[in-house]
Protein backbone atom coordinates (compact mmCIF):
# COMPACT_ATOMS: atom_id res chain seq x y z
CA UNK A 1 -39.63 -35.46 -19.43
CA UNK A 2 -43.12 -36.58 -18.51
CA UNK A 3 -45.72 -38.09 -15.80
CA UNK A 4 -44.54 -37.62 -12.18
CA UNK A 5 -40.70 -36.84 -13.21
CA UNK A 6 -41.92 -33.60 -14.26
CA UNK A 7 -42.80 -32.55 -10.84
CA UNK A 8 -41.13 -34.25 -8.16
CA UNK A 9 -38.27 -37.20 -7.44
CA UNK A 10 -39.90 -40.31 -9.06
CA UNK A 11 -40.65 -42.54 -6.13
CA UNK A 12 -39.89 -45.96 -6.60
CA UNK A 13 -40.18 -49.34 -4.73
CA UNK A 14 -38.94 -53.07 -5.55
CA UNK A 15 -40.45 -56.70 -4.94
CA UNK A 16 -38.14 -59.07 -4.34
CA UNK A 17 -35.02 -56.81 -3.20
CA UNK A 18 -33.13 -59.75 -1.37
CA UNK A 19 -31.53 -60.96 -4.56
CA UNK A 20 -28.40 -60.40 -6.57
CA UNK A 21 -30.43 -58.62 -9.29
CA UNK A 22 -32.65 -56.90 -6.67
CA UNK A 23 -29.70 -55.51 -4.52
CA UNK A 24 -28.23 -54.01 -8.05
CA UNK A 25 -31.52 -52.06 -8.42
CA UNK A 26 -30.89 -51.07 -4.51
CA UNK A 27 -27.83 -49.98 -5.19
CA UNK A 28 -28.11 -47.96 -8.68
CA UNK A 29 -31.64 -46.37 -7.30
CA UNK A 30 -30.07 -44.95 -3.86
CA UNK A 31 -27.27 -43.17 -6.22
CA UNK A 32 -30.21 -42.31 -8.75
CA UNK A 33 -30.23 -38.31 -9.19
CA UNK A 34 -34.21 -38.42 -9.95
CA UNK A 35 -35.52 -41.32 -8.10
CA UNK A 36 -36.13 -41.61 -4.10
CA UNK A 37 -36.02 -45.22 -3.11
CA UNK A 38 -39.18 -46.08 -1.19
CA UNK A 39 -39.27 -49.82 -0.15
CA UNK A 40 -37.94 -52.98 -1.01
CA UNK A 41 -39.40 -56.24 0.07
CA UNK A 42 -38.41 -59.73 1.28
CA UNK A 43 -40.75 -62.13 2.60
CA UNK A 44 -38.09 -63.99 4.07
CA UNK A 45 -36.14 -61.04 5.30
CA UNK A 46 -38.70 -58.70 6.13
CA UNK A 47 -38.23 -56.29 9.16
CA UNK A 48 -34.36 -56.84 8.79
CA UNK A 49 -32.13 -54.25 7.46
CA UNK A 50 -30.86 -54.43 3.95
CA UNK A 51 -27.23 -54.17 4.64
CA UNK A 52 -27.10 -57.54 5.98
CA UNK A 53 -27.75 -59.09 2.53
CA UNK A 54 -26.34 -56.57 0.71
CA UNK A 55 -23.62 -55.56 2.92
CA UNK A 56 -21.84 -53.59 -0.12
CA UNK A 57 -24.17 -50.87 0.56
CA UNK A 58 -23.07 -50.14 4.18
CA UNK A 59 -22.94 -46.61 5.06
CA UNK A 60 -25.66 -45.84 1.73
CA UNK A 61 -29.12 -46.67 3.15
CA UNK A 62 -30.71 -47.54 6.81
CA UNK A 63 -33.81 -49.08 4.76
CA UNK A 64 -35.35 -52.20 6.15
CA UNK A 65 -36.98 -54.88 4.11
CA UNK A 66 -40.94 -54.68 3.88
CA UNK A 67 -43.55 -57.34 3.03
CA UNK A 68 -44.95 -56.81 -0.47
CA UNK A 69 -48.53 -56.61 1.26
CA UNK A 70 -47.22 -53.53 3.06
CA UNK A 71 -46.56 -52.06 -0.28
CA UNK A 72 -47.11 -47.94 -0.60
CA UNK A 73 -48.02 -46.70 -3.59
CA UNK A 74 -45.01 -45.39 -6.08
CA UNK A 75 -44.28 -44.23 -9.55
CA UNK A 76 -42.24 -47.04 -10.84
CA UNK A 77 -42.33 -50.72 -9.38
CA UNK A 78 -39.78 -53.01 -9.85
CA UNK A 79 -40.36 -56.69 -9.96
CA UNK A 80 -37.30 -58.98 -9.03
CA UNK A 81 -38.62 -62.25 -8.60
CA UNK A 82 -38.28 -65.83 -9.26
CA UNK A 83 -39.61 -66.86 -12.89
CA UNK A 84 -43.63 -67.46 -12.14
CA UNK A 85 -44.32 -65.29 -9.72
CA UNK A 86 -44.69 -61.75 -11.03
CA UNK A 87 -47.83 -63.02 -13.77
CA UNK A 88 -49.73 -64.94 -11.19
CA UNK A 89 -49.21 -61.57 -8.92
CA UNK A 90 -49.62 -58.92 -11.24
CA UNK A 91 -53.42 -57.81 -10.67
CA UNK A 92 -52.24 -56.97 -7.05
CA UNK A 93 -48.99 -55.72 -7.94
CA UNK A 94 -50.30 -53.09 -10.38
CA UNK A 95 -52.43 -51.45 -8.18
CA UNK A 96 -49.21 -50.06 -6.50
CA UNK A 97 -47.90 -48.35 -9.24
CA UNK A 98 -48.90 -46.88 -12.78
CA UNK A 99 -45.88 -47.89 -14.21
CA UNK A 100 -44.37 -51.79 -13.49
CA UNK A 101 -40.96 -52.79 -14.79
CA UNK A 102 -40.54 -57.20 -14.45
CA UNK A 103 -37.45 -58.30 -14.66
CA UNK A 104 -38.67 -61.89 -14.65
CA UNK A 105 -39.64 -64.08 -18.28
CA UNK A 106 -42.78 -64.06 -17.26
CA UNK A 107 -43.79 -61.04 -19.94
CA UNK A 108 -41.01 -61.35 -22.46
CA UNK A 109 -42.88 -63.56 -25.04
CA UNK A 110 -45.55 -61.78 -26.97
CA UNK A 111 -47.13 -65.07 -27.86
CA UNK A 112 -48.60 -67.38 -24.71
CA UNK A 113 -48.02 -70.38 -27.18
CA UNK A 114 -44.04 -69.91 -26.26
CA UNK A 115 -44.39 -70.19 -22.63
CA UNK A 116 -45.99 -73.84 -23.53
CA UNK A 117 -43.29 -74.85 -25.66
CA UNK A 118 -40.13 -73.35 -23.63
CA UNK A 119 -41.34 -72.91 -20.12
CA UNK A 120 -43.46 -75.78 -20.26
CA UNK A 121 -46.98 -73.99 -18.37
CA UNK A 122 -49.57 -71.97 -19.59
CA UNK A 123 -49.15 -68.60 -19.41
CA UNK A 124 -51.54 -67.62 -16.03
CA UNK A 125 -52.62 -64.19 -17.79
CA UNK A 126 -51.76 -64.42 -21.68
CA UNK A 127 -54.18 -61.33 -22.09
CA UNK A 128 -51.55 -59.27 -20.68
CA UNK A 129 -48.88 -60.41 -22.85
CA UNK A 130 -49.51 -57.69 -25.76
CA UNK A 131 -49.05 -54.72 -23.20
CA UNK A 132 -45.50 -55.22 -22.26
CA UNK A 133 -43.20 -53.89 -24.15
CA UNK A 134 -39.58 -55.97 -24.25
CA UNK A 135 -36.85 -53.76 -22.33
CA UNK A 136 -33.68 -53.54 -24.85
CA UNK A 137 -33.94 -49.89 -25.39
CA UNK A 138 -31.73 -49.96 -28.55
CA UNK A 139 -34.45 -51.94 -29.90
CA UNK A 140 -37.66 -50.46 -28.20
CA UNK A 141 -37.06 -47.02 -27.41
CA UNK A 142 -39.95 -44.96 -28.84
CA UNK A 143 -42.22 -47.77 -27.33
CA UNK A 144 -40.55 -47.29 -24.25
CA UNK A 145 -41.17 -43.58 -23.82
CA UNK A 146 -45.21 -44.37 -23.30
CA UNK A 147 -45.04 -48.09 -21.65
CA UNK A 148 -46.69 -48.68 -18.49
CA UNK A 149 -45.35 -52.27 -18.56
CA UNK A 150 -42.16 -53.33 -19.14
CA UNK A 151 -39.99 -56.75 -19.47
CA UNK A 152 -36.54 -56.45 -19.14
CA UNK A 153 -35.07 -59.24 -21.82
CA UNK A 154 -32.76 -62.32 -20.65
CA UNK A 155 -29.45 -61.29 -19.66
CA UNK A 156 -28.05 -63.89 -22.09
CA UNK A 157 -30.43 -63.09 -24.86
CA UNK A 158 -29.61 -59.08 -24.66
CA UNK A 159 -25.99 -60.03 -25.26
CA UNK A 160 -26.74 -62.18 -28.55
CA UNK A 161 -29.57 -60.04 -29.59
CA UNK A 162 -27.44 -56.67 -29.42
CA UNK A 163 -24.44 -58.14 -31.10
CA UNK A 164 -26.51 -59.51 -34.07
CA UNK A 165 -29.41 -57.02 -34.32
CA UNK A 166 -27.45 -54.70 -36.91
CA UNK A 167 -26.68 -57.35 -39.26
CA UNK A 168 -30.50 -58.37 -39.11
CA UNK A 169 -31.70 -54.39 -39.12
CA UNK A 170 -29.21 -53.86 -42.08
CA UNK A 171 -30.89 -56.84 -43.80
CA UNK A 172 -27.54 -58.62 -44.74
CA UNK A 173 -28.01 -62.13 -43.10
CA UNK A 174 -28.77 -65.37 -45.07
CA UNK A 175 -31.90 -66.50 -43.86
CA UNK A 176 -31.34 -69.77 -45.07
CA UNK A 177 -28.52 -70.42 -42.68
CA UNK A 178 -29.02 -71.00 -39.07
CA UNK A 179 -27.43 -68.80 -36.56
CA UNK A 180 -25.23 -70.27 -34.49
CA UNK A 181 -24.90 -69.10 -30.77
CA UNK A 182 -23.09 -70.30 -27.73
CA UNK A 183 -23.05 -68.02 -24.71
CA UNK A 184 -20.68 -68.45 -21.75
CA UNK A 185 -21.83 -67.32 -18.07
CA UNK A 186 -21.10 -66.57 -14.76
CA UNK A 187 -22.48 -68.13 -11.35
CA UNK A 188 -24.45 -64.60 -10.23
CA UNK A 189 -27.03 -65.65 -13.58
CA UNK A 190 -28.28 -68.46 -11.22
CA UNK A 191 -29.62 -66.24 -8.49
CA UNK A 192 -28.76 -65.87 -4.84
CA UNK A 193 -30.47 -69.25 -3.92
CA UNK A 194 -28.14 -72.09 -3.54
CA UNK A 195 -28.05 -75.71 -5.30
CA UNK A 196 -25.41 -78.70 -5.80
CA UNK A 197 -24.57 -76.89 -8.87
CA UNK A 198 -23.46 -73.16 -7.16
CA UNK A 199 -22.17 -75.51 -4.44
CA UNK A 200 -18.15 -74.37 -4.27
CA UNK A 201 -16.44 -77.84 -4.90
CA UNK A 202 -18.71 -78.39 -7.68
CA UNK A 203 -18.89 -74.88 -9.10
CA UNK A 204 -15.10 -74.21 -8.51
CA UNK A 205 -12.74 -74.69 -11.82
CA UNK A 206 -15.76 -75.72 -14.34
CA UNK A 207 -16.32 -75.27 -17.87
CA UNK A 208 -20.15 -76.80 -17.89
CA UNK A 209 -22.27 -76.96 -20.56
CA UNK A 210 -25.74 -76.89 -18.99
CA UNK A 211 -28.05 -76.40 -21.82
CA UNK A 212 -26.74 -77.66 -25.22
CA UNK A 213 -30.48 -77.09 -26.78
CA UNK A 214 -33.42 -75.90 -25.88
CA UNK A 215 -32.61 -72.64 -24.05
CA UNK A 216 -35.48 -70.87 -22.96
CA UNK A 217 -33.90 -67.68 -24.46
CA UNK A 218 -33.77 -68.89 -28.05
CA UNK A 219 -37.33 -67.69 -28.11
CA UNK A 220 -35.99 -63.83 -27.41
CA UNK A 221 -33.78 -63.95 -30.01
CA UNK A 222 -36.36 -65.50 -32.51
CA UNK A 223 -38.87 -63.07 -31.33
CA UNK A 224 -36.68 -59.94 -31.65
CA UNK A 225 -34.57 -60.53 -34.68
CA UNK A 226 -37.26 -62.08 -36.73
CA UNK A 227 -37.52 -59.84 -40.52
CA UNK A 228 -41.14 -59.76 -42.31
CA UNK A 229 -42.37 -62.76 -40.59
CA UNK A 230 -39.48 -64.85 -41.59
CA UNK A 231 -38.13 -66.10 -37.90
CA UNK A 232 -34.25 -67.27 -38.51
CA UNK A 233 -33.41 -70.23 -37.24
CA UNK A 234 -31.30 -70.27 -34.25
CA UNK A 235 -29.33 -72.57 -32.53
CA UNK A 236 -28.34 -71.72 -28.63
CA UNK A 237 -26.07 -73.34 -26.26
CA UNK A 238 -24.93 -72.12 -22.68
CA UNK A 239 -21.94 -72.98 -20.73
CA UNK A 240 -21.30 -72.46 -17.20
CA UNK A 241 -17.73 -70.62 -16.08
CA UNK A 242 -15.63 -70.00 -13.54
CA UNK A 243 -16.84 -66.62 -12.86
CA UNK A 244 -19.34 -64.70 -10.63
CA UNK A 245 -20.59 -61.71 -13.14
CA UNK A 246 -20.58 -61.76 -16.79
CA UNK A 247 -21.86 -63.00 -20.00
CA UNK A 248 -20.06 -63.82 -23.28
CA UNK A 249 -21.89 -64.80 -26.23
CA UNK A 250 -20.61 -65.83 -29.31
CA UNK A 251 -22.11 -66.14 -32.63
CA UNK A 252 -21.75 -67.87 -36.26
CA UNK A 253 -24.04 -65.61 -38.47
CA UNK A 254 -23.88 -66.29 -42.61
CA UNK A 255 -24.52 -63.27 -44.66
CA UNK A 256 -25.73 -63.07 -48.32
CA UNK A 257 -22.74 -61.98 -49.57
CA UNK A 258 -18.85 -61.85 -48.24
CA UNK A 259 -18.61 -59.18 -46.22
CA UNK A 260 -15.16 -57.42 -45.06
CA UNK A 261 -14.19 -56.06 -41.22
CA UNK A 262 -14.54 -52.98 -43.15
CA UNK A 263 -18.12 -53.55 -44.20
CA UNK A 264 -18.69 -54.76 -40.85
CA UNK A 265 -17.67 -51.77 -39.14
CA UNK A 266 -20.13 -49.81 -41.38
CA UNK A 267 -23.34 -51.51 -40.29
CA UNK A 268 -22.40 -51.57 -36.62
CA UNK A 269 -21.93 -47.88 -36.49
CA UNK A 270 -24.43 -46.95 -38.91
CA UNK A 271 -26.75 -48.94 -36.24
CA UNK A 272 -25.21 -47.97 -32.74
CA UNK A 273 -23.26 -44.78 -33.44
CA UNK A 274 -25.03 -43.00 -31.09
CA UNK A 275 -25.94 -45.34 -28.48
CA UNK A 276 -25.15 -44.30 -25.02
CA UNK A 277 -24.18 -48.21 -23.94
CA UNK A 278 -22.98 -49.99 -26.75
CA UNK A 279 -19.69 -49.85 -27.54
CA UNK A 280 -17.73 -51.49 -30.64
CA UNK A 281 -14.84 -53.17 -29.52
CA UNK A 282 -12.52 -54.25 -32.46
CA UNK A 283 -9.00 -53.75 -31.86
CA UNK A 284 -5.96 -55.04 -33.42
CA UNK A 285 -3.66 -55.33 -30.31
CA UNK A 286 -3.62 -56.11 -26.97
CA UNK A 287 -5.03 -58.36 -24.41
CA UNK A 288 -8.88 -56.52 -25.31
CA UNK A 289 -9.21 -57.04 -28.82
CA UNK A 290 -12.66 -58.24 -28.49
CA UNK A 291 -15.41 -57.97 -25.97
CA UNK A 292 -14.25 -59.14 -22.64
CA UNK A 293 -16.72 -59.12 -19.45
CA UNK A 294 -14.56 -59.17 -16.99
CA UNK A 295 -13.80 -55.03 -17.53
CA UNK A 296 -18.19 -54.53 -17.66
CA UNK A 297 -18.34 -55.32 -14.25
CA UNK A 298 -20.57 -53.13 -12.20
CA UNK A 299 -21.61 -51.42 -15.64
CA UNK A 300 -24.08 -50.91 -17.90
CA UNK A 301 -22.07 -51.31 -21.68
CA UNK A 302 -22.97 -54.25 -23.82
CA UNK A 303 -19.38 -54.57 -25.54
CA UNK A 304 -20.01 -55.77 -29.37
CA UNK A 305 -17.16 -57.02 -31.56
CA UNK A 306 -17.12 -59.27 -34.78
CA UNK A 307 -14.59 -60.72 -37.11
CA UNK A 308 -15.33 -61.64 -41.36
CA UNK A 309 -14.28 -65.29 -42.02
CA UNK A 310 -12.05 -64.87 -44.82
CA UNK A 311 -12.64 -68.38 -46.49
CA UNK A 312 -16.27 -68.02 -46.70
CA UNK A 313 -19.70 -65.73 -45.82
CA UNK A 314 -19.24 -66.90 -41.76
CA UNK A 315 -19.34 -63.88 -39.64
CA UNK A 316 -18.15 -64.25 -35.92
CA UNK A 317 -19.89 -61.47 -33.68
CA UNK A 318 -19.71 -61.16 -29.85
CA UNK A 319 -21.46 -59.45 -27.13
CA UNK A 320 -20.05 -59.14 -23.37
CA UNK A 321 -22.16 -57.79 -20.55
CA UNK A 322 -22.62 -57.72 -16.91
CA UNK A 323 -25.86 -59.93 -16.46
CA UNK A 324 -26.60 -58.25 -13.36
CA UNK A 325 -26.54 -54.89 -14.99
CA UNK A 326 -27.05 -54.64 -18.42
CA UNK A 327 -28.21 -58.45 -18.48
CA UNK A 328 -30.71 -57.06 -15.71
CA UNK A 329 -30.85 -54.20 -13.03
CA UNK A 330 -28.87 -52.06 -15.11
CA UNK A 331 -31.04 -52.36 -18.22
CA UNK A 332 -34.35 -51.59 -16.32
CA UNK A 333 -33.30 -48.29 -14.60
CA UNK A 334 -32.37 -47.40 -18.17
CA UNK A 335 -35.95 -48.26 -19.54
CA UNK A 336 -37.35 -46.48 -16.26
CA UNK A 337 -35.31 -43.49 -17.50
CA UNK A 338 -36.66 -43.46 -21.02
CA UNK A 339 -40.43 -43.86 -19.86
CA UNK A 340 -40.04 -40.78 -17.73
CA UNK A 341 -37.94 -38.51 -19.69
CA UNK A 342 -35.00 -38.83 -17.85
CA UNK A 343 -31.28 -38.74 -19.11
CA UNK A 344 -30.99 -41.93 -20.36
CA UNK A 345 -27.34 -42.35 -18.81
CA UNK A 346 -28.73 -41.23 -15.43
CA UNK A 347 -27.66 -43.03 -12.28
CA UNK A 348 -25.78 -45.61 -14.85
CA UNK A 349 -22.43 -43.70 -15.42
CA UNK A 350 -20.21 -46.07 -13.87
CA UNK A 351 -17.25 -47.38 -16.31
CA UNK A 352 -16.24 -50.76 -14.73
CA UNK A 353 -12.96 -51.77 -12.98
CA UNK A 354 -9.56 -52.72 -14.71
CA UNK A 355 -8.10 -54.37 -13.46
CA UNK A 356 -10.20 -56.39 -11.35
């Protein structure tokens, strides 16, 4: 254990505690054995009780929302702000805590030109991009141990990256062929603010392709799965479905040589055999033969699966997770645990529900 965690309970606060991700951070930190939650901010809800916004926390906390200007010093500060706000206020926020965990997209890309290409704006703090470690622990655990700036990955990107990573790590991917990924996502991924797309009569029953091309998370895949400076070609599409939580990514990837399912088992076990939050799911019978987001609700697991195409070098790879947990708040807490030398699974033991 290092830093403040050696001496006392970690003190943590959350900027942007009234959204769905902020609510999950509050829930997790209230139950964390090594953390005291000091404050959660919301400009619109300042002075009001947290449980008015997050009723699932009734009886668990008497905390009221604070204004950001009233933040007191803590050991770690989580930023659960809309995209664009963290980068514009980072100089103010870093004075509150020595360790910052940002859950927005503001510091995920290492190249500032990526923000021009994928987000359509010049990054307001390009010199700080190199200070942030991309917060997928399974890829960057050693860097996270000493990181004072952590940028949590996008939920869709996390599902795709974690399911694909072993094939890139083991060098079996044919980089001359494109990787095609289609991701289905529930409505909570759009945040707590309402709009026409989330209005119940419009959302109910949908299977709506909302980003067939040009999804911003494509940049995260290319950044994290590049090998030897030669980025693969990614085609990434996203579809809204009638679910509140959950992400399911389905990727089509071509390997240099034809692989069997036995080969794939060996590859995935080699890479993920000791990972506490990765489960390899490939059964021969039953309803849950492949990864299924529904049973992951509230958990920090990412379930990955695969199937070799017997007629070609194609492998179909699947990844499932709860977008608010392993895709956001849970992964951020996992990164915090690593950074402060805590048990990596601390506060994250909930296994999900079945049936639900």
